[in-house]
Amino acid sequence: MVDMTRNKEEQESFITNINKDNDSLVVSYASGNETTERFSLHNMNYYRGKMEEQANMYVGKYLDKLSIKSFSIYVARVSGIILGLFSLFLSYNIDIHIIMKILLTILVALLEFGYYIYSDIKLDILYTKALEGMATEYYLNNIDDFKYKNPHTYEFGYIVPIEEISKMGLTEDWLKAASEKIKELISSGIEKEDISLSLSKK
């Protein structure tokens, strides 16, 4: 799960991943710490429940924060272009040597190009995080499609576990398609505990 926390204190308890490693369960936190304990379905479900709780708590504010960051990058990009054009306008309307004007033009163009590439990289990173955030939000809003209580063990079972969103890079569109497929299989008489999906975007 993408780190949705706001500070280091929250990172200490924010679970980003859970992995079964032979007979052990490895829990990773946003702080970089990991804990290891004996694997059991009950323990696995406990941490999945914690991931669901924390996602419900953070995802709305997290997506809002990404929107504000993206908007500020776009504003800075447009402002930079406007200021660059304005500085070129001034330089060509002030009586300075032609070589200085050429050098200033090249410098402004290089700065604009550099910032454009830098902002593009930042926007790509934010876009990737936003995709996971939106997928997580959709998952939580439709969790009954992906989670069920096993009638035999009374433990929760998962057709799509929450940790797989980050691990497999599952998108909101993938989850929507999976949800429709699950409903289709249930309507044909298949029990939820017998449904298995290939957790891949491809």
C-alpha atoms as a PDB file:
ATOM      1  CA  MET A   1       0.000   0.000   0.000  1.00  0.00           C
ATOM      2  CA  VAL A   2       1.267   3.457  -0.854  1.00  0.00           C
ATOM      3  CA  ASP A   3       2.319   5.532   2.169  1.00  0.00           C
ATOM      4  CA  MET A   4      -0.616   7.870   2.883  1.00  0.00           C
ATOM      5  CA  THR A   5       0.713   9.238   6.173  1.00  0.00           C
ATOM      6  CA  ARG A   6       1.435  12.870   7.034  1.00  0.00           C
ATOM      7  CA  ASN A   7       4.343  12.487   9.440  1.00  0.00           C
ATOM      8  CA  LYS A   8       6.944  10.090  10.869  1.00  0.00           C
ATOM      9  CA  GLU A   9       4.829   9.277  13.905  1.00  0.00           C
ATOM     10  CA  GLU A  10       2.006   7.946  11.693  1.00  0.00           C
ATOM     11  CA  GLN A  11       4.509   5.989   9.587  1.00  0.00           C
ATOM     12  CA  GLU A  12       5.392   3.848  12.612  1.00  0.00           C
ATOM     13  CA  SER A  13       1.970   2.149  12.584  1.00  0.00           C
ATOM     14  CA  PHE A  14       0.994   2.479   8.897  1.00  0.00           C
ATOM     15  CA  ILE A  15       1.158  -0.953   7.236  1.00  0.00           C
ATOM     16  CA  THR A  16       2.367  -0.894   3.631  1.00  0.00           C
ATOM     17  CA  ASN A  17       2.650  -4.620   2.969  1.00  0.00           C
ATOM     18  CA  ILE A  18       2.076  -8.093   4.381  1.00  0.00           C
ATOM     19  CA  ASN A  19       3.856 -11.159   3.037  1.00  0.00           C
ATOM     20  CA  LYS A  20       3.711 -14.872   3.799  1.00  0.00           C
ATOM     21  CA  ASP A  21       7.260 -16.205   3.950  1.00  0.00           C
ATOM     22  CA  ASN A  22       7.133 -19.979   4.527  1.00  0.00           C
ATOM     23  CA  ASP A  23       5.649 -20.279   8.039  1.00  0.00           C
ATOM     24  CA  SER A  24       6.195 -16.607   8.863  1.00  0.00           C
ATOM     25  CA  LEU A  25       4.155 -13.476   8.310  1.00  0.00           C
ATOM     26  CA  VAL A  26       6.213 -10.375   7.511  1.00  0.00           C
ATOM     27  CA  VAL A  27       4.503  -7.028   8.118  1.00  0.00           C
ATOM     28  CA  SER A  28       6.100  -3.915   6.581  1.00  0.00           C
ATOM     29  CA  TYR A  29       5.483  -0.377   7.817  1.00  0.00           C
ATOM     30  CA  ALA A  30       5.831   3.041   6.164  1.00  0.00           C
ATOM     31  CA  SER A  31       8.693   3.826   8.565  1.00  0.00           C
ATOM     32  CA  GLY A  32      10.760   1.067   6.939  1.00  0.00           C
ATOM     33  CA  ASN A  33      10.425  -1.257   9.938  1.00  0.00           C
ATOM     34  CA  GLU A  34       9.294  -4.861   9.604  1.00  0.00           C
ATOM     35  CA  THR A  35       7.919  -7.360  12.101  1.00  0.00           C
ATOM     36  CA  THR A  36       7.847 -11.127  11.726  1.00  0.00           C
ATOM     37  CA  GLU A  37       5.490 -13.542  13.438  1.00  0.00           C
ATOM     38  CA  ARG A  38       4.089 -17.013  12.984  1.00  0.00           C
ATOM     39  CA  PHE A  39       1.809 -17.265   9.957  1.00  0.00           C
ATOM     40  CA  SER A  40      -1.832 -18.122  10.466  1.00  0.00           C
ATOM     41  CA  LEU A  41      -4.924 -17.165   8.507  1.00  0.00           C
ATOM     42  CA  HIS A  42      -6.211 -15.365  11.597  1.00  0.00           C
ATOM     43  CA  ASN A  43      -3.028 -13.254  11.844  1.00  0.00           C
ATOM     44  CA  MET A  44      -3.074 -12.513   8.118  1.00  0.00           C
ATOM     45  CA  ASN A  45      -6.704 -11.383   8.311  1.00  0.00           C
ATOM     46  CA  TYR A  46      -5.951  -9.259  11.366  1.00  0.00           C
ATOM     47  CA  TYR A  47      -3.377  -7.240   9.433  1.00  0.00           C
ATOM     48  CA  ARG A  48      -5.592  -7.073   6.347  1.00  0.00           C
ATOM     49  CA  GLY A  49      -8.289  -5.611   8.580  1.00  0.00           C
ATOM     50  CA  LYS A  50      -5.776  -3.067   9.902  1.00  0.00           C
ATOM     51  CA  MET A  51      -4.885  -2.113   6.308  1.00  0.00           C
ATOM     52  CA  GLU A  52      -8.568  -1.627   5.494  1.00  0.00           C
ATOM     53  CA  GLU A  53      -9.051   0.556   8.598  1.00  0.00           C
ATOM     54  CA  GLN A  54      -6.039   2.740   7.874  1.00  0.00           C
ATOM     55  CA  ALA A  55      -6.976   3.114   4.194  1.00  0.00           C
ATOM     56  CA  ASN A  56     -10.493   4.217   5.185  1.00  0.00           C
ATOM     57  CA  MET A  57      -8.949   6.742   7.549  1.00  0.00           C
ATOM     58  CA  TYR A  58      -6.370   8.206   5.159  1.00  0.00           C
ATOM     59  CA  VAL A  59      -7.380   7.730   1.504  1.00  0.00           C
ATOM     60  CA  GLY A  60      -9.716  10.746   1.151  1.00  0.00           C
ATOM     61  CA  LYS A  61      -7.231  13.261   2.552  1.00  0.00           C
ATOM     62  CA  TYR A  62      -4.407  11.566   0.674  1.00  0.00           C
ATOM     63  CA  LEU A  63      -6.123  11.988  -2.713  1.00  0.00           C
ATOM     64  CA  ASP A  64      -6.955  15.613  -1.843  1.00  0.00           C
ATOM     65  CA  LYS A  65      -3.278  16.232  -1.037  1.00  0.00           C
ATOM     66  CA  LEU A  66      -2.179  14.711  -4.367  1.00  0.00           C
ATOM     67  CA  SER A  67      -4.691  16.918  -6.227  1.00  0.00           C
ATOM     68  CA  ILE A  68      -3.332  20.056  -4.541  1.00  0.00           C
ATOM     69  CA  LYS A  69       0.269  19.031  -5.274  1.00  0.00           C
ATOM     70  CA  SER A  70      -0.516  18.343  -8.935  1.00  0.00           C
ATOM     71  CA  PHE A  71      -2.345  21.651  -9.282  1.00  0.00           C
ATOM     72  CA  SER A  72       0.545  23.577  -7.698  1.00  0.00           C
ATOM     73  CA  ILE A  73       3.006  21.946 -10.128  1.00  0.00           C
ATOM     74  CA  TYR A  74       0.835  22.959 -13.094  1.00  0.00           C
ATOM     75  CA  VAL A  75       0.534  26.510 -11.731  1.00  0.00           C
ATOM     76  CA  ALA A  76       4.321  26.711 -11.261  1.00  0.00           C
ATOM     77  CA  ARG A  77       4.854  25.372 -14.794  1.00  0.00           C
ATOM     78  CA  VAL A  78       2.511  27.918 -16.387  1.00  0.00           C
ATOM     79  CA  SER A  79       3.905  30.733 -14.216  1.00  0.00           C
ATOM     80  CA  GLY A  80       7.427  29.801 -15.285  1.00  0.00           C
ATOM     81  CA  ILE A  81       6.468  29.948 -18.962  1.00  0.00           C
ATOM     82  CA  ILE A  82       4.785  33.337 -18.518  1.00  0.00           C
ATOM     83  CA  LEU A  83       7.754  34.769 -16.590  1.00  0.00           C
ATOM     84  CA  GLY A  84      10.149  33.375 -19.192  1.00  0.00           C
ATOM     85  CA  LEU A  85       8.237  35.013 -22.034  1.00  0.00           C
ATOM     86  CA  PHE A  86       8.020  38.262 -20.076  1.00  0.00           C
ATOM     87  CA  SER A  87      11.777  38.295 -19.439  1.00  0.00           C
ATOM     88  CA  LEU A  88      12.425  37.696 -23.153  1.00  0.00           C
ATOM     89  CA  PHE A  89      10.034  40.513 -24.017  1.00  0.00           C
ATOM     90  CA  LEU A  90      11.907  42.864 -21.692  1.00  0.00           C
ATOM     91  CA  SER A  91      15.323  41.812 -22.949  1.00  0.00           C
ATOM     92  CA  TYR A  92      14.332  42.492 -26.557  1.00  0.00           C
ATOM     93  CA  ASN A  93      12.870  45.864 -25.673  1.00  0.00           C
ATOM     94  CA  ILE A  94      15.829  47.034 -23.618  1.00  0.00           C
ATOM     95  CA  ASP A  95      18.865  48.361 -25.381  1.00  0.00           C
ATOM     96  CA  ILE A  96      21.476  45.696 -24.646  1.00  0.00           C
ATOM     97  CA  HIS A  97      23.987  44.038 -26.935  1.00  0.00           C
ATOM     98  CA  ILE A  98      22.568  41.462 -29.377  1.00  0.00           C
ATOM     99  CA  ILE A  99      24.907  38.733 -28.059  1.00  0.00           C
ATOM    100  CA  MET A 100      23.524  39.272 -24.537  1.00  0.00           C
ATOM    101  CA  LYS A 101      19.998  38.961 -25.921  1.00  0.00           C
ATOM    102  CA  ILE A 102      20.877  35.664 -27.618  1.00  0.00           C
ATOM    103  CA  LEU A 103      22.535  34.323 -24.459  1.00  0.00           C
ATOM    104  CA  LEU A 104      19.536  35.339 -22.354  1.00  0.00           C
ATOM    105  CA  THR A 105      17.175  33.636 -24.817  1.00  0.00           C
ATOM    106  CA  ILE A 106      19.193  30.400 -24.700  1.00  0.00           C
ATOM    107  CA  LEU A 107      19.396  30.522 -20.888  1.00  0.00           C
ATOM    108  CA  VAL A 108      15.641  31.084 -20.484  1.00  0.00           C
ATOM    109  CA  ALA A 109      14.877  28.277 -22.975  1.00  0.00           C
ATOM    110  CA  LEU A 110      17.184  25.854 -21.142  1.00  0.00           C
ATOM    111  CA  LEU A 111      15.688  26.745 -17.762  1.00  0.00           C
ATOM    112  CA  GLU A 112      12.152  26.312 -19.093  1.00  0.00           C
ATOM    113  CA  PHE A 113      13.010  22.965 -20.695  1.00  0.00           C
ATOM    114  CA  GLY A 114      14.720  21.750 -17.511  1.00  0.00           C
ATOM    115  CA  TYR A 115      11.782  22.697 -15.316  1.00  0.00           C
ATOM    116  CA  TYR A 116       9.326  21.149 -17.793  1.00  0.00           C
ATOM    117  CA  ILE A 117      11.143  17.792 -17.603  1.00  0.00           C
ATOM    118  CA  TYR A 118      11.439  18.030 -13.791  1.00  0.00           C
ATOM    119  CA  SER A 119       7.739  18.836 -13.351  1.00  0.00           C
ATOM    120  CA  ASP A 120       6.784  16.068 -15.782  1.00  0.00           C
ATOM    121  CA  ILE A 121       8.672  13.524 -13.666  1.00  0.00           C
ATOM    122  CA  LYS A 122       6.995  14.784 -10.497  1.00  0.00           C
ATOM    123  CA  LEU A 123       3.560  14.626 -12.134  1.00  0.00           C
ATOM    124  CA  ASP A 124       4.210  11.052 -13.316  1.00  0.00           C
ATOM    125  CA  ILE A 125       5.089  10.033  -9.746  1.00  0.00           C
ATOM    126  CA  LEU A 126       1.961  11.741  -8.374  1.00  0.00           C
ATOM    127  CA  TYR A 127      -0.164  10.132 -11.100  1.00  0.00           C
ATOM    128  CA  THR A 128       1.090   6.641 -10.166  1.00  0.00           C
ATOM    129  CA  LYS A 129       0.320   7.300  -6.490  1.00  0.00           C
ATOM    130  CA  ALA A 130      -3.095   8.700  -7.373  1.00  0.00           C
ATOM    131  CA  LEU A 131      -3.926   5.574  -9.419  1.00  0.00           C
ATOM    132  CA  GLU A 132      -3.226   3.376  -6.398  1.00  0.00           C
ATOM    133  CA  GLY A 133      -5.139   5.732  -4.122  1.00  0.00           C
ATOM    134  CA  MET A 134      -8.194   5.681  -6.392  1.00  0.00           C
ATOM    135  CA  ALA A 135      -7.994   1.884  -6.718  1.00  0.00           C
ATOM    136  CA  THR A 136      -7.857   1.587  -2.919  1.00  0.00           C
ATOM    137  CA  GLU A 137     -10.815   3.937  -2.545  1.00  0.00           C
ATOM    138  CA  TYR A 138     -12.868   1.891  -5.035  1.00  0.00           C
ATOM    139  CA  TYR A 139     -11.863  -1.341  -3.276  1.00  0.00           C
ATOM    140  CA  LEU A 140     -13.027  -0.029   0.101  1.00  0.00           C
ATOM    141  CA  ASN A 141     -16.328   1.233  -1.319  1.00  0.00           C
ATOM    142  CA  ASN A 142     -17.006  -2.177  -2.880  1.00  0.00           C
ATOM    143  CA  ILE A 143     -15.231  -4.434  -0.383  1.00  0.00           C
ATOM    144  CA  ASP A 144     -18.163  -6.863  -0.137  1.00  0.00           C
ATOM    145  CA  ASP A 145     -17.422  -7.883  -3.731  1.00  0.00           C
ATOM    146  CA  PHE A 146     -13.873  -8.924  -2.812  1.00  0.00           C
ATOM    147  CA  LYS A 147     -14.262 -10.169   0.777  1.00  0.00           C
ATOM    148  CA  TYR A 148     -16.514 -12.796   2.350  1.00  0.00           C
ATOM    149  CA  LYS A 149     -16.887 -14.814   5.536  1.00  0.00           C
ATOM    150  CA  ASN A 150     -16.088 -18.474   5.043  1.00  0.00           C
ATOM    151  CA  PRO A 151     -19.152 -20.443   6.236  1.00  0.00           C
ATOM    152  CA  HIS A 152     -16.972 -23.368   7.352  1.00  0.00           C
ATOM    153  CA  THR A 153     -14.082 -21.649   9.157  1.00  0.00           C
ATOM    154  CA  TYR A 154     -15.891 -18.376  10.013  1.00  0.00           C
ATOM    155  CA  GLU A 155     -12.687 -16.582   8.982  1.00  0.00           C
ATOM    156  CA  PHE A 156     -12.750 -13.845   6.370  1.00  0.00           C
ATOM    157  CA  GLY A 157     -11.717 -14.913   2.917  1.00  0.00           C
ATOM    158  CA  TYR A 158     -10.576 -12.675   0.087  1.00  0.00           C
ATOM    159  CA  ILE A 159     -11.019 -13.025  -3.638  1.00  0.00           C
ATOM    160  CA  VAL A 160      -8.834  -9.913  -3.953  1.00  0.00           C
ATOM    161  CA  PRO A 161      -6.806  -9.157  -0.797  1.00  0.00           C
ATOM    162  CA  ILE A 162      -6.151  -5.455  -0.136  1.00  0.00           C
ATOM    163  CA  GLU A 163      -2.353  -5.841  -0.174  1.00  0.00           C
ATOM    164  CA  GLU A 164      -2.462  -7.087  -3.779  1.00  0.00           C
ATOM    165  CA  ILE A 165      -3.523  -3.633  -5.051  1.00  0.00           C
ATOM    166  CA  SER A 166      -0.015  -2.325  -4.432  1.00  0.00           C
ATOM    167  CA  LYS A 167       1.868  -5.564  -5.117  1.00  0.00           C
ATOM    168  CA  MET A 168       0.259  -6.180  -8.502  1.00  0.00           C
ATOM    169  CA  GLY A 169      -0.388  -2.553  -9.460  1.00  0.00           C
ATOM    170  CA  LEU A 170      -4.136  -3.158  -9.704  1.00  0.00           C
ATOM    171  CA  THR A 171      -6.084  -0.166 -11.028  1.00  0.00           C
ATOM    172  CA  GLU A 172      -9.605   1.052 -10.395  1.00  0.00           C
ATOM    173  CA  ASP A 173     -10.603  -0.153 -13.894  1.00  0.00           C
ATOM    174  CA  TRP A 174      -9.193  -3.622 -13.161  1.00  0.00           C
ATOM    175  CA  LEU A 175     -11.124  -3.783  -9.895  1.00  0.00           C
ATOM    176  CA  LYS A 176     -14.336  -2.674 -11.606  1.00  0.00           C
ATOM    177  CA  ALA A 177     -13.931  -5.428 -14.200  1.00  0.00           C
ATOM    178  CA  ALA A 178     -13.129  -7.946 -11.443  1.00  0.00           C
ATOM    179  CA  SER A 179     -16.206  -6.867  -9.506  1.00  0.00           C
ATOM    180  CA  GLU A 180     -18.417  -7.432 -12.549  1.00  0.00           C
ATOM    181  CA  LYS A 181     -16.818 -10.839 -13.158  1.00  0.00           C
ATOM    182  CA  ILE A 182     -17.352 -11.863  -9.512  1.00  0.00           C
ATOM    183  CA  LYS A 183     -21.025 -10.837  -9.654  1.00  0.00           C
ATOM    184  CA  GLU A 184     -21.436 -12.750 -12.901  1.00  0.00           C
ATOM    185  CA  LEU A 185     -19.919 -15.910 -11.375  1.00  0.00           C
ATOM    186  CA  ILE A 186     -22.081 -15.613  -8.241  1.00  0.00           C
ATOM    187  CA  SER A 187     -25.226 -15.184 -10.329  1.00  0.00           C
ATOM    188  CA  SER A 188     -24.313 -18.398 -12.171  1.00  0.00           C
ATOM    189  CA  GLY A 189     -24.360 -20.265  -8.848  1.00  0.00           C
ATOM    190  CA  ILE A 190     -20.686 -20.286  -7.846  1.00  0.00           C
ATOM    191  CA  GLU A 191     -19.970 -19.617  -4.153  1.00  0.00           C
ATOM    192  CA  LYS A 192     -17.596 -16.771  -3.285  1.00  0.00           C
ATOM    193  CA  GLU A 193     -15.137 -19.111  -1.537  1.00  0.00           C
ATOM    194  CA  ASP A 194     -14.791 -21.079  -4.810  1.00  0.00           C
ATOM    195  CA  ILE A 195     -13.980 -18.006  -6.923  1.00  0.00           C
ATOM    196  CA  SER A 196     -10.361 -17.401  -7.847  1.00  0.00           C
ATOM    197  CA  LEU A 197      -9.098 -14.599 -10.066  1.00  0.00           C
ATOM    198  CA  SER A 198      -5.729 -14.100 -11.725  1.00  0.00           C
ATOM    199  CA  LEU A 199      -4.419 -11.002  -9.935  1.00  0.00           C
ATOM    200  CA  SER A 200      -2.723  -9.380 -12.882  1.00  0.00           C
ATOM    201  CA  LYS A 201      -3.428  -6.232 -14.879  1.00  0.00           C
ATOM    202  CA  LYS A 202      -2.419  -8.024 -18.086  1.00  0.00           C
END
